[in-house]
Amino acid sequence: MSALRKFIPGTRLPIYFPNLVLKAMPLSEEALEHVSRGEMPPTLKFRAAPSVGKLEVKNFLKGVYGLDVKRVHTANYQGKKKQLRLKNKVIYYRKPDFKSITVELNR
């Protein structure tokens, strides 16, 4: 253990390998006004897999991007049901389920 310890510096930043996909949604008009003034918008919206938790999102945004998160709101949605009509048959399918995440940031 001591041989391993001398190769790892004590001031090294942690390395994150998240198994988390957050898709950023378009900004609202209010958020675009903040961005045009050079400020961070007060809220951000994401879409993710239904299994993602609030604490996971908060820790991810704080650890990777350094954002100061005030509150995280989540809502689960079922995927839309669709049908595809072909010449002699109809194929029914569903889009994947998703979770909508709204993040409020501290100013």
PDB file of N, CA and C in Angstrom:
ATOM      1  N   MET A   1       0.818  -1.190   0.000  1.00  0.00           N
ATOM      2  CA  MET A   1       0.000   0.000   0.000  1.00  0.00           C
ATOM      3  C   MET A   1       0.862   1.255   0.000  1.00  0.00           C
ATOM      4  N   SER A   2       1.982   1.239   0.709  1.00  0.00           N
ATOM      5  CA  SER A   2       2.828   2.428   0.778  1.00  0.00           C
ATOM      6  C   SER A   2       3.479   2.720  -0.574  1.00  0.00           C
ATOM      7  N   ALA A   3       3.803   1.683  -1.341  1.00  0.00           N
ATOM      8  CA  ALA A   3       4.383   1.893  -2.670  1.00  0.00           C
ATOM      9  C   ALA A   3       3.366   2.539  -3.601  1.00  0.00           C
ATOM     10  N   LEU A   4       2.112   2.175  -3.441  1.00  0.00           N
ATOM     11  CA  LEU A   4       1.059   2.754  -4.273  1.00  0.00           C
ATOM     12  C   LEU A   4       0.785   4.197  -3.875  1.00  0.00           C
ATOM     13  N   ARG A   5       0.884   4.483  -2.605  1.00  0.00           N
ATOM     14  CA  ARG A   5       0.540   5.799  -2.093  1.00  0.00           C
ATOM     15  C   ARG A   5       1.512   6.881  -2.589  1.00  0.00           C
ATOM     16  N   LYS A   6       2.777   6.543  -2.801  1.00  0.00           N
ATOM     17  CA  LYS A   6       3.729   7.571  -3.208  1.00  0.00           C
ATOM     18  C   LYS A   6       3.534   8.004  -4.660  1.00  0.00           C
ATOM     19  N   PHE A   7       2.798   7.236  -5.468  1.00  0.00           N
ATOM     20  CA  PHE A   7       2.547   7.618  -6.856  1.00  0.00           C
ATOM     21  C   PHE A   7       1.279   8.448  -7.016  1.00  0.00           C
ATOM     22  N   ILE A   8       0.416   8.485  -6.012  1.00  0.00           N
ATOM     23  CA  ILE A   8      -0.833   9.243  -6.090  1.00  0.00           C
ATOM     24  C   ILE A   8      -0.668  10.531  -5.292  1.00  0.00           C
ATOM     25  N   PRO A   9      -0.684  11.693  -5.964  1.00  0.00           N
ATOM     26  CA  PRO A   9      -0.537  12.947  -5.214  1.00  0.00           C
ATOM     27  C   PRO A   9      -1.767  13.227  -4.361  1.00  0.00           C
ATOM     28  N   GLY A  10      -1.581  13.929  -3.259  1.00  0.00           N
ATOM     29  CA  GLY A  10      -2.669  14.207  -2.329  1.00  0.00           C
ATOM     30  C   GLY A  10      -3.626  15.288  -2.790  1.00  0.00           C
ATOM     31  N   THR A  11      -3.200  16.137  -3.714  1.00  0.00           N
ATOM     32  CA  THR A  11      -4.050  17.245  -4.153  1.00  0.00           C
ATOM     33  C   THR A  11      -4.780  16.939  -5.456  1.00  0.00           C
ATOM     34  N   ARG A  12      -4.826  15.719  -5.835  1.00  0.00           N
ATOM     35  CA  ARG A  12      -5.449  15.338  -7.101  1.00  0.00           C
ATOM     36  C   ARG A  12      -6.966  15.477  -7.016  1.00  0.00           C
ATOM     37  N   LEU A  13      -7.563  16.051  -8.051  1.00  0.00           N
ATOM     38  CA  LEU A  13      -9.014  16.170  -8.101  1.00  0.00           C
ATOM     39  C   LEU A  13      -9.639  14.812  -8.391  1.00  0.00           C
ATOM     40  N   PRO A  14     -10.832  14.561  -7.871  1.00  0.00           N
ATOM     41  CA  PRO A  14     -11.478  13.276  -8.147  1.00  0.00           C
ATOM     42  C   PRO A  14     -11.862  13.165  -9.620  1.00  0.00           C
ATOM     43  N   ILE A  15     -11.837  11.954 -10.125  1.00  0.00           N
ATOM     44  CA  ILE A  15     -12.201  11.688 -11.513  1.00  0.00           C
ATOM     45  C   ILE A  15     -13.591  11.081 -11.515  1.00  0.00           C
ATOM     46  N   TYR A  16     -14.481  11.640 -12.333  1.00  0.00           N
ATOM     47  CA  TYR A  16     -15.854  11.176 -12.398  1.00  0.00           C
ATOM     48  C   TYR A  16     -16.074  10.380 -13.677  1.00  0.00           C
ATOM     49  N   PHE A  17     -16.660   9.200 -13.545  1.00  0.00           N
ATOM     50  CA  PHE A  17     -17.091   8.400 -14.674  1.00  0.00           C
ATOM     51  C   PHE A  17     -18.576   8.114 -14.487  1.00  0.00           C
ATOM     52  N   PRO A  18     -19.419   9.101 -14.726  1.00  0.00           N
ATOM     53  CA  PRO A  18     -20.844   8.901 -14.451  1.00  0.00           C
ATOM     54  C   PRO A  18     -21.502   7.996 -15.478  1.00  0.00           C
ATOM     55  N   ASN A  19     -22.412   7.184 -14.991  1.00  0.00           N
ATOM     56  CA  ASN A  19     -23.233   6.358 -15.871  1.00  0.00           C
ATOM     57  C   ASN A  19     -24.592   7.045 -15.949  1.00  0.00           C
ATOM     58  N   LEU A  20     -24.591   8.270 -16.473  1.00  0.00           N
ATOM     59  CA  LEU A  20     -25.754   9.131 -16.421  1.00  0.00           C
ATOM     60  C   LEU A  20     -25.800   9.960 -17.695  1.00  0.00           C
ATOM     61  N   VAL A  21     -26.946   9.937 -18.376  1.00  0.00           N
ATOM     62  CA  VAL A  21     -27.119  10.742 -19.586  1.00  0.00           C
ATOM     63  C   VAL A  21     -28.190  11.782 -19.302  1.00  0.00           C
ATOM     64  N   LEU A  22     -27.807  13.049 -19.351  1.00  0.00           N
ATOM     65  CA  LEU A  22     -28.748  14.158 -19.197  1.00  0.00           C
ATOM     66  C   LEU A  22     -28.830  14.887 -20.529  1.00  0.00           C
ATOM     67  N   LYS A  23     -30.023  14.913 -21.110  1.00  0.00           N
ATOM     68  CA  LYS A  23     -30.231  15.650 -22.355  1.00  0.00           C
ATOM     69  C   LYS A  23     -30.774  17.026 -22.000  1.00  0.00           C
ATOM     70  N   ALA A  24     -30.067  18.071 -22.395  1.00  0.00           N
ATOM     71  CA  ALA A  24     -30.507  19.435 -22.095  1.00  0.00           C
ATOM     72  C   ALA A  24     -31.667  19.805 -23.003  1.00  0.00           C
ATOM     73  N   MET A  25     -32.702  20.376 -22.413  1.00  0.00           N
ATOM     74  CA  MET A  25     -33.863  20.840 -23.166  1.00  0.00           C
ATOM     75  C   MET A  25     -33.652  22.311 -23.532  1.00  0.00           C
ATOM     76  N   PRO A  26     -34.373  22.812 -24.546  1.00  0.00           N
ATOM     77  CA  PRO A  26     -34.204  24.222 -24.936  1.00  0.00           C
ATOM     78  C   PRO A  26     -34.536  25.171 -23.779  1.00  0.00           C
ATOM     79  N   LEU A  27     -33.827  26.286 -23.749  1.00  0.00           N
ATOM     80  CA  LEU A  27     -34.033  27.275 -22.687  1.00  0.00           C
ATOM     81  C   LEU A  27     -35.315  28.058 -22.909  1.00  0.00           C
ATOM     82  N   SER A  28     -35.942  28.482 -21.809  1.00  0.00           N
ATOM     83  CA  SER A  28     -37.139  29.321 -21.891  1.00  0.00           C
ATOM     84  C   SER A  28     -36.723  30.749 -22.265  1.00  0.00           C
ATOM     85  N   GLU A  29     -37.717  31.593 -22.565  1.00  0.00           N
ATOM     86  CA  GLU A  29     -37.415  32.978 -22.938  1.00  0.00           C
ATOM     87  C   GLU A  29     -36.775  33.737 -21.779  1.00  0.00           C
ATOM     88  N   GLU A  30     -37.239  33.458 -20.564  1.00  0.00           N
ATOM     89  CA  GLU A  30     -36.656  34.101 -19.383  1.00  0.00           C
ATOM     90  C   GLU A  30     -35.184  33.717 -19.231  1.00  0.00           C
ATOM     91  N   ALA A  31     -34.887  32.441 -19.444  1.00  0.00           N
ATOM     92  CA  ALA A  31     -33.506  31.978 -19.328  1.00  0.00           C
ATOM     93  C   ALA A  31     -32.636  32.576 -20.431  1.00  0.00           C
ATOM     94  N   LEU A  32     -33.187  32.731 -21.635  1.00  0.00           N
ATOM     95  CA  LEU A  32     -32.425  33.331 -22.730  1.00  0.00           C
ATOM     96  C   LEU A  32     -32.077  34.793 -22.438  1.00  0.00           C
ATOM     97  N   GLU A  33     -32.969  35.503 -21.740  1.00  0.00           N
ATOM     98  CA  GLU A  33     -32.673  36.885 -21.351  1.00  0.00           C
ATOM     99  C   GLU A  33     -31.476  36.938 -20.402  1.00  0.00           C
ATOM    100  N   HIS A  34     -31.419  36.000 -19.455  1.00  0.00           N
ATOM    101  CA  HIS A  34     -30.287  35.942 -18.527  1.00  0.00           C
ATOM    102  C   HIS A  34     -28.993  35.642 -19.275  1.00  0.00           C
ATOM    103  N   VAL A  35     -29.051  34.730 -20.236  1.00  0.00           N
ATOM    104  CA  VAL A  35     -27.857  34.365 -20.998  1.00  0.00           C
ATOM    105  C   VAL A  35     -27.379  35.551 -21.829  1.00  0.00           C
ATOM    106  N   SER A  36     -28.313  36.317 -22.414  1.00  0.00           N
ATOM    107  CA  SER A  36     -27.920  37.473 -23.229  1.00  0.00           C
ATOM    108  C   SER A  36     -27.235  38.551 -22.387  1.00  0.00           C
ATOM    109  N   ARG A  37     -27.545  38.610 -21.080  1.00  0.00           N
ATOM    110  CA  ARG A  37     -26.887  39.553 -20.179  1.00  0.00           C
ATOM    111  C   ARG A  37     -25.589  38.994 -19.605  1.00  0.00           C
ATOM    112  N   GLY A  38     -25.239  37.761 -19.981  1.00  0.00           N
ATOM    113  CA  GLY A  38     -24.010  37.143 -19.489  1.00  0.00           C
ATOM    114  C   GLY A  38     -24.158  36.473 -18.144  1.00  0.00           C
ATOM    115  N   GLU A  39     -25.388  36.202 -17.718  1.00  0.00           N
ATOM    116  CA  GLU A  39     -25.644  35.553 -16.430  1.00  0.00           C
ATOM    117  C   GLU A  39     -26.045  34.099 -16.645  1.00  0.00           C
ATOM    118  N   MET A  40     -25.963  33.336 -15.563  1.00  0.00           N
ATOM    119  CA  MET A  40     -26.430  31.950 -15.597  1.00  0.00           C
ATOM    120  C   MET A  40     -27.944  31.955 -15.425  1.00  0.00           C
ATOM    121  N   PRO A  41     -28.684  31.172 -16.223  1.00  0.00           N
ATOM    122  CA  PRO A  41     -30.141  31.143 -16.054  1.00  0.00           C
ATOM    123  C   PRO A  41     -30.525  30.538 -14.701  1.00  0.00           C
ATOM    124  N   PRO A  42     -31.672  30.965 -14.123  1.00  0.00           N
ATOM    125  CA  PRO A  42     -32.061  30.460 -12.798  1.00  0.00           C
ATOM    126  C   PRO A  42     -32.534  29.010 -12.817  1.00  0.00           C
ATOM    127  N   THR A  43     -33.055  28.534 -13.950  1.00  0.00           N
ATOM    128  CA  THR A  43     -33.510  27.143 -14.040  1.00  0.00           C
ATOM    129  C   THR A  43     -32.986  26.508 -15.318  1.00  0.00           C
ATOM    130  N   LEU A  44     -32.715  25.210 -15.230  1.00  0.00           N
ATOM    131  CA  LEU A  44     -32.303  24.410 -16.382  1.00  0.00           C
ATOM    132  C   LEU A  44     -33.205  23.191 -16.450  1.00  0.00           C
ATOM    133  N   LYS A  45     -33.495  22.712 -17.667  1.00  0.00           N
ATOM    134  CA  LYS A  45     -34.339  21.533 -17.831  1.00  0.00           C
ATOM    135  C   LYS A  45     -33.564  20.447 -18.563  1.00  0.00           C
ATOM    136  N   PHE A  46     -33.772  19.207 -18.102  1.00  0.00           N
ATOM    137  CA  PHE A  46     -33.109  18.051 -18.685  1.00  0.00           C
ATOM    138  C   PHE A  46     -34.118  16.928 -18.862  1.00  0.00           C
ATOM    139  N   ARG A  47     -33.751  15.961 -19.699  1.00  0.00           N
ATOM    140  CA  ARG A  47     -34.457  14.688 -19.796  1.00  0.00           C
ATOM    141  C   ARG A  47     -33.455  13.592 -19.505  1.00  0.00           C
ATOM    142  N   ALA A  48     -33.921  12.556 -18.812  1.00  0.00           N
ATOM    143  CA  ALA A  48     -33.035  11.457 -18.441  1.00  0.00           C
ATOM    144  C   ALA A  48     -33.844  10.168 -18.366  1.00  0.00           C
ATOM    145  N   ALA A  49     -33.149   9.073 -18.090  1.00  0.00           N
ATOM    146  CA  ALA A  49     -33.807   7.782 -17.898  1.00  0.00           C
ATOM    147  C   ALA A  49     -34.644   7.835 -16.620  1.00  0.00           C
ATOM    148  N   PRO A  50     -35.737   7.067 -16.547  1.00  0.00           N
ATOM    149  CA  PRO A  50     -36.600   7.107 -15.357  1.00  0.00           C
ATOM    150  C   PRO A  50     -35.915   6.672 -14.062  1.00  0.00           C
ATOM    151  N   SER A  51     -34.809   5.969 -14.144  1.00  0.00           N
ATOM    152  CA  SER A  51     -34.142   5.466 -12.943  1.00  0.00           C
ATOM    153  C   SER A  51     -33.220   6.489 -12.279  1.00  0.00           C
ATOM    154  N   VAL A  52     -33.014   7.646 -12.883  1.00  0.00           N
ATOM    155  CA  VAL A  52     -32.106   8.659 -12.339  1.00  0.00           C
ATOM    156  C   VAL A  52     -32.763   9.343 -11.142  1.00  0.00           C
ATOM    157  N   GLY A  53     -32.007   9.511 -10.060  1.00  0.00           N
ATOM    158  CA  GLY A  53     -32.529  10.127  -8.843  1.00  0.00           C
ATOM    159  C   GLY A  53     -32.131  11.593  -8.713  1.00  0.00           C
ATOM    160  N   LYS A  54     -32.816  12.291  -7.799  1.00  0.00           N
ATOM    161  CA  LYS A  54     -32.554  13.716  -7.587  1.00  0.00           C
ATOM    162  C   LYS A  54     -31.143  13.957  -7.054  1.00  0.00           C
ATOM    163  N   LEU A  55     -30.719  13.150  -6.088  1.00  0.00           N
ATOM    164  CA  LEU A  55     -29.383  13.334  -5.524  1.00  0.00           C
ATOM    165  C   LEU A  55     -28.293  13.044  -6.549  1.00  0.00           C
ATOM    166  N   GLU A  56     -28.538  12.060  -7.420  1.00  0.00           N
ATOM    167  CA  GLU A  56     -27.586  11.767  -8.490  1.00  0.00           C
ATOM    168  C   GLU A  56     -27.381  12.983  -9.382  1.00  0.00           C
ATOM    169  N   VAL A  57     -28.488  13.618  -9.779  1.00  0.00           N
ATOM    170  CA  VAL A  57     -28.421  14.786 -10.658  1.00  0.00           C
ATOM    171  C   VAL A  57     -27.709  15.935  -9.950  1.00  0.00           C
ATOM    172  N   LYS A  58     -28.069  16.186  -8.700  1.00  0.00           N
ATOM    173  CA  LYS A  58     -27.468  17.286  -7.940  1.00  0.00           C
ATOM    174  C   LYS A  58     -25.960  17.088  -7.780  1.00  0.00           C
ATOM    175  N   ASN A  59     -25.545  15.886  -7.389  1.00  0.00           N
ATOM    176  CA  ASN A  59     -24.120  15.609  -7.204  1.00  0.00           C
ATOM    177  C   ASN A  59     -23.362  15.638  -8.526  1.00  0.00           C
ATOM    178  N   PHE A  60     -23.997  15.187  -9.604  1.00  0.00           N
ATOM    179  CA  PHE A  60     -23.365  15.197 -10.925  1.00  0.00           C
ATOM    180  C   PHE A  60     -23.100  16.631 -11.379  1.00  0.00           C
ATOM    181  N   LEU A  61     -24.111  17.494 -11.292  1.00  0.00           N
ATOM    182  CA  LEU A  61     -23.954  18.878 -11.746  1.00  0.00           C
ATOM    183  C   LEU A  61     -22.964  19.649 -10.873  1.00  0.00           C
ATOM    184  N   LYS A  62     -22.945  19.353  -9.582  1.00  0.00           N
ATOM    185  CA  LYS A  62     -22.000  20.026  -8.688  1.00  0.00           C
ATOM    186  C   LYS A  62     -20.578  19.517  -8.910  1.00  0.00           C
ATOM    187  N   GLY A  63     -20.418  18.215  -9.045  1.00  0.00           N
ATOM    188  CA  GLY A  63     -19.083  17.642  -9.177  1.00  0.00           C
ATOM    189  C   GLY A  63     -18.438  17.883 -10.527  1.00  0.00           C
ATOM    190  N   VAL A  64     -19.201  17.735 -11.600  1.00  0.00           N
ATOM    191  CA  VAL A  64     -18.629  17.828 -12.939  1.00  0.00           C
ATOM    192  C   VAL A  64     -18.593  19.264 -13.447  1.00  0.00           C
ATOM    193  N   TYR A  65     -19.679  20.012 -13.256  1.00  0.00           N
ATOM    194  CA  TYR A  65     -19.769  21.365 -13.811  1.00  0.00           C
ATOM    195  C   TYR A  65     -19.602  22.469 -12.769  1.00  0.00           C
ATOM    196  N   GLY A  66     -19.573  22.122 -11.495  1.00  0.00           N
ATOM    197  CA  GLY A  66     -19.387  23.117 -10.448  1.00  0.00           C
ATOM    198  C   GLY A  66     -20.585  24.028 -10.237  1.00  0.00           C
ATOM    199  N   LEU A  67     -21.789  23.561 -10.566  1.00  0.00           N
ATOM    200  CA  LEU A  67     -22.997  24.366 -10.407  1.00  0.00           C
ATOM    201  C   LEU A  67     -23.513  24.251  -8.972  1.00  0.00           C
ATOM    202  N   ASP A  68     -23.978  25.355  -8.422  1.00  0.00           N
ATOM    203  CA  ASP A  68     -24.548  25.372  -7.078  1.00  0.00           C
ATOM    204  C   ASP A  68     -26.054  25.149  -7.206  1.00  0.00           C
ATOM    205  N   VAL A  69     -26.494  23.931  -6.973  1.00  0.00           N
ATOM    206  CA  VAL A  69     -27.891  23.540  -7.181  1.00  0.00           C
ATOM    207  C   VAL A  69     -28.696  23.831  -5.923  1.00  0.00           C
ATOM    208  N   LYS A  70     -29.810  24.536  -6.102  1.00  0.00           N
ATOM    209  CA  LYS A  70     -30.697  24.855  -4.986  1.00  0.00           C
ATOM    210  C   LYS A  70     -31.746  23.769  -4.802  1.00  0.00           C
ATOM    211  N   ARG A  71     -32.413  23.367  -5.890  1.00  0.00           N
ATOM    212  CA  ARG A  71     -33.508  22.402  -5.810  1.00  0.00           C
ATOM    213  C   ARG A  71     -33.604  21.629  -7.115  1.00  0.00           C
ATOM    214  N   VAL A  72     -34.034  20.369  -7.016  1.00  0.00           N
ATOM    215  CA  VAL A  72     -34.233  19.515  -8.189  1.00  0.00           C
ATOM    216  C   VAL A  72     -35.667  19.001  -8.170  1.00  0.00           C
ATOM    217  N   HIS A  73     -36.408  19.251  -9.245  1.00  0.00           N
ATOM    218  CA  HIS A  73     -37.763  18.734  -9.408  1.00  0.00           C
ATOM    219  C   HIS A  73     -37.726  17.664 -10.491  1.00  0.00           C
ATOM    220  N   THR A  74     -38.464  16.563 -10.276  1.00  0.00           N
ATOM    221  CA  THR A  74     -38.514  15.503 -11.282  1.00  0.00           C
ATOM    222  C   THR A  74     -39.956  15.093 -11.536  1.00  0.00           C
ATOM    223  N   ALA A  75     -40.197  14.580 -12.741  1.00  0.00           N
ATOM    224  CA  ALA A  75     -41.511  14.050 -13.107  1.00  0.00           C
ATOM    225  C   ALA A  75     -41.301  12.925 -14.109  1.00  0.00           C
ATOM    226  N   ASN A  76     -41.909  11.771 -13.844  1.00  0.00           N
ATOM    227  CA  ASN A  76     -41.812  10.634 -14.755  1.00  0.00           C
ATOM    228  C   ASN A  76     -42.921  10.682 -15.790  1.00  0.00           C
ATOM    229  N   TYR A  77     -42.579  10.367 -17.034  1.00  0.00           N
ATOM    230  CA  TYR A  77     -43.544  10.340 -18.129  1.00  0.00           C
ATOM    231  C   TYR A  77     -43.439   9.015 -18.865  1.00  0.00           C
ATOM    232  N   GLN A  78     -44.601   8.506 -19.288  1.00  0.00           N
ATOM    233  CA  GLN A  78     -44.612   7.315 -20.131  1.00  0.00           C
ATOM    234  C   GLN A  78     -44.388   7.739 -21.571  1.00  0.00           C
ATOM    235  N   GLY A  79     -43.738   6.870 -22.335  1.00  0.00           N
ATOM    236  CA  GLY A  79     -43.509   7.161 -23.742  1.00  0.00           C
ATOM    237  C   GLY A  79     -44.813   7.142 -24.519  1.00  0.00           C
ATOM    238  N   LYS A  80     -44.872   7.952 -25.576  1.00  0.00           N
ATOM    239  CA  LYS A  80     -46.090   8.024 -26.377  1.00  0.00           C
ATOM    240  C   LYS A  80     -46.290   6.737 -27.163  1.00  0.00           C
ATOM    241  N   LYS A  81     -47.551   6.378 -27.335  1.00  0.00           N
ATOM    242  CA  LYS A  81     -47.897   5.201 -28.131  1.00  0.00           C
ATOM    243  C   LYS A  81     -48.069   5.645 -29.578  1.00  0.00           C
ATOM    244  N   LYS A  82     -47.451   4.927 -30.490  1.00  0.00           N
ATOM    245  CA  LYS A  82     -47.476   5.288 -31.909  1.00  0.00           C
ATOM    246  C   LYS A  82     -47.910   4.086 -32.732  1.00  0.00           C
ATOM    247  N   GLN A  83     -48.331   4.371 -33.956  1.00  0.00           N
ATOM    248  CA  GLN A  83     -48.622   3.291 -34.890  1.00  0.00           C
ATOM    249  C   GLN A  83     -48.053   3.655 -36.247  1.00  0.00           C
ATOM    250  N   LEU A  84     -47.583   2.639 -36.942  1.00  0.00           N
ATOM    251  CA  LEU A  84     -47.000   2.801 -38.262  1.00  0.00           C
ATOM    252  C   LEU A  84     -47.846   1.986 -39.228  1.00  0.00           C
ATOM    253  N   ARG A  85     -48.474   2.651 -40.180  1.00  0.00           N
ATOM    254  CA  ARG A  85     -49.346   1.963 -41.138  1.00  0.00           C
ATOM    255  C   ARG A  85     -48.553   1.619 -42.391  1.00  0.00           C
ATOM    256  N   LEU A  86     -48.535   0.338 -42.695  1.00  0.00           N
ATOM    257  CA  LEU A  86     -47.910  -0.149 -43.919  1.00  0.00           C
ATOM    258  C   LEU A  86     -49.014  -0.602 -44.871  1.00  0.00           C
ATOM    259  N   LYS A  87     -48.663  -1.196 -46.002  1.00  0.00           N
ATOM    260  CA  LYS A  87     -49.668  -1.581 -47.000  1.00  0.00           C
ATOM    261  C   LYS A  87     -50.732  -2.518 -46.438  1.00  0.00           C
ATOM    262  N   ASN A  88     -50.303  -3.596 -45.807  1.00  0.00           N
ATOM    263  CA  ASN A  88     -51.276  -4.598 -45.374  1.00  0.00           C
ATOM    264  C   ASN A  88     -51.260  -4.870 -43.866  1.00  0.00           C
ATOM    265  N   LYS A  89     -50.562  -4.048 -43.088  1.00  0.00           N
ATOM    266  CA  LYS A  89     -50.546  -4.267 -41.641  1.00  0.00           C
ATOM    267  C   LYS A  89     -50.257  -2.959 -40.907  1.00  0.00           C
ATOM    268  N   VAL A  90     -50.550  -2.981 -39.624  1.00  0.00           N
ATOM    269  CA  VAL A  90     -50.295  -1.833 -38.757  1.00  0.00           C
ATOM    270  C   VAL A  90     -49.360  -2.295 -37.644  1.00  0.00           C
ATOM    271  N   ILE A  91     -48.295  -1.543 -37.423  1.00  0.00           N
ATOM    272  CA  ILE A  91     -47.328  -1.876 -36.384  1.00  0.00           C
ATOM    273  C   ILE A  91     -47.480  -0.856 -35.252  1.00  0.00           C
ATOM    274  N   TYR A  92     -47.728  -1.345 -34.036  1.00  0.00           N
ATOM    275  CA  TYR A  92     -47.852  -0.492 -32.861  1.00  0.00           C
ATOM    276  C   TYR A  92     -46.538  -0.534 -32.082  1.00  0.00           C
ATOM    277  N   TYR A  93     -46.115   0.625 -31.590  1.00  0.00           N
ATOM    278  CA  TYR A  93     -44.909   0.688 -30.777  1.00  0.00           C
ATOM    279  C   TYR A  93     -45.011   1.865 -29.813  1.00  0.00           C
ATOM    280  N   ARG A  94     -44.102   1.886 -28.843  1.00  0.00           N
ATOM    281  CA  ARG A  94     -44.064   2.962 -27.862  1.00  0.00           C
ATOM    282  C   ARG A  94     -42.693   3.602 -27.846  1.00  0.00           C
ATOM    283  N   LYS A  95     -42.672   4.915 -27.700  1.00  0.00           N
ATOM    284  CA  LYS A  95     -41.400   5.601 -27.500  1.00  0.00           C
ATOM    285  C   LYS A  95     -40.950   5.319 -26.063  1.00  0.00           C
ATOM    286  N   PRO A  96     -39.653   5.420 -25.771  1.00  0.00           N
ATOM    287  CA  PRO A  96     -39.179   5.083 -24.421  1.00  0.00           C
ATOM    288  C   PRO A  96     -39.677   6.060 -23.350  1.00  0.00           C
ATOM    289  N   ASP A  97     -39.850   5.538 -22.125  1.00  0.00           N
ATOM    290  CA  ASP A  97     -40.224   6.374 -20.987  1.00  0.00           C
ATOM    291  C   ASP A  97     -39.065   7.320 -20.658  1.00  0.00           C
ATOM    292  N   PHE A  98     -39.382   8.454 -20.018  1.00  0.00           N
ATOM    293  CA  PHE A  98     -38.336   9.400 -19.650  1.00  0.00           C
ATOM    294  C   PHE A  98     -38.724  10.139 -18.384  1.00  0.00           C
ATOM    295  N   LYS A  99     -37.735  10.784 -17.795  1.00  0.00           N
ATOM    296  CA  LYS A  99     -37.944  11.611 -16.608  1.00  0.00           C
ATOM    297  C   LYS A  99     -37.572  13.041 -16.974  1.00  0.00           C
ATOM    298  N   SER A 100     -38.467  13.968 -16.681  1.00  0.00           N
ATOM    299  CA  SER A 100     -38.207  15.386 -16.893  1.00  0.00           C
ATOM    300  C   SER A 100     -37.624  15.953 -15.602  1.00  0.00           C
ATOM    301  N   ILE A 101     -36.502  16.656 -15.714  1.00  0.00           N
ATOM    302  CA  ILE A 101     -35.797  17.178 -14.543  1.00  0.00           C
ATOM    303  C   ILE A 101     -35.660  18.690 -14.685  1.00  0.00           C
ATOM    304  N   THR A 102     -36.130  19.426 -13.678  1.00  0.00           N
ATOM    305  CA  THR A 102     -35.959  20.874 -13.627  1.00  0.00           C
ATOM    306  C   THR A 102     -35.039  21.193 -12.457  1.00  0.00           C
ATOM    307  N   VAL A 103     -33.962  21.898 -12.745  1.00  0.00           N
ATOM    308  CA  VAL A 103     -32.956  22.218 -11.737  1.00  0.00           C
ATOM    309  C   VAL A 103     -32.978  23.717 -11.482  1.00  0.00           C
ATOM    310  N   GLU A 104     -33.162  24.107 -10.214  1.00  0.00           N
ATOM    311  CA  GLU A 104     -33.073  25.515  -9.823  1.00  0.00           C
ATOM    312  C   GLU A 104     -31.675  25.763  -9.274  1.00  0.00           C
ATOM    313  N   LEU A 105     -31.054  26.834  -9.745  1.00  0.00           N
ATOM    314  CA  LEU A 105     -29.687  27.152  -9.344  1.00  0.00           C
ATOM    315  C   LEU A 105     -29.676  28.322  -8.371  1.00  0.00           C
ATOM    316  N   ASN A 106     -28.706  28.306  -7.440  1.00  0.00           N
ATOM    317  CA  ASN A 106     -28.483  29.464  -6.564  1.00  0.00           C
ATOM    318  C   ASN A 106     -27.778  30.540  -7.364  1.00  0.00           C
ATOM    319  N   ARG A 107     -28.079  31.770  -7.046  1.00  0.00           N
ATOM    320  CA  ARG A 107     -27.438  32.867  -7.793  1.00  0.00           C
ATOM    321  C   ARG A 107     -26.161  33.283  -7.146  1.00  0.00           C
TER     322      ARG A 107
END
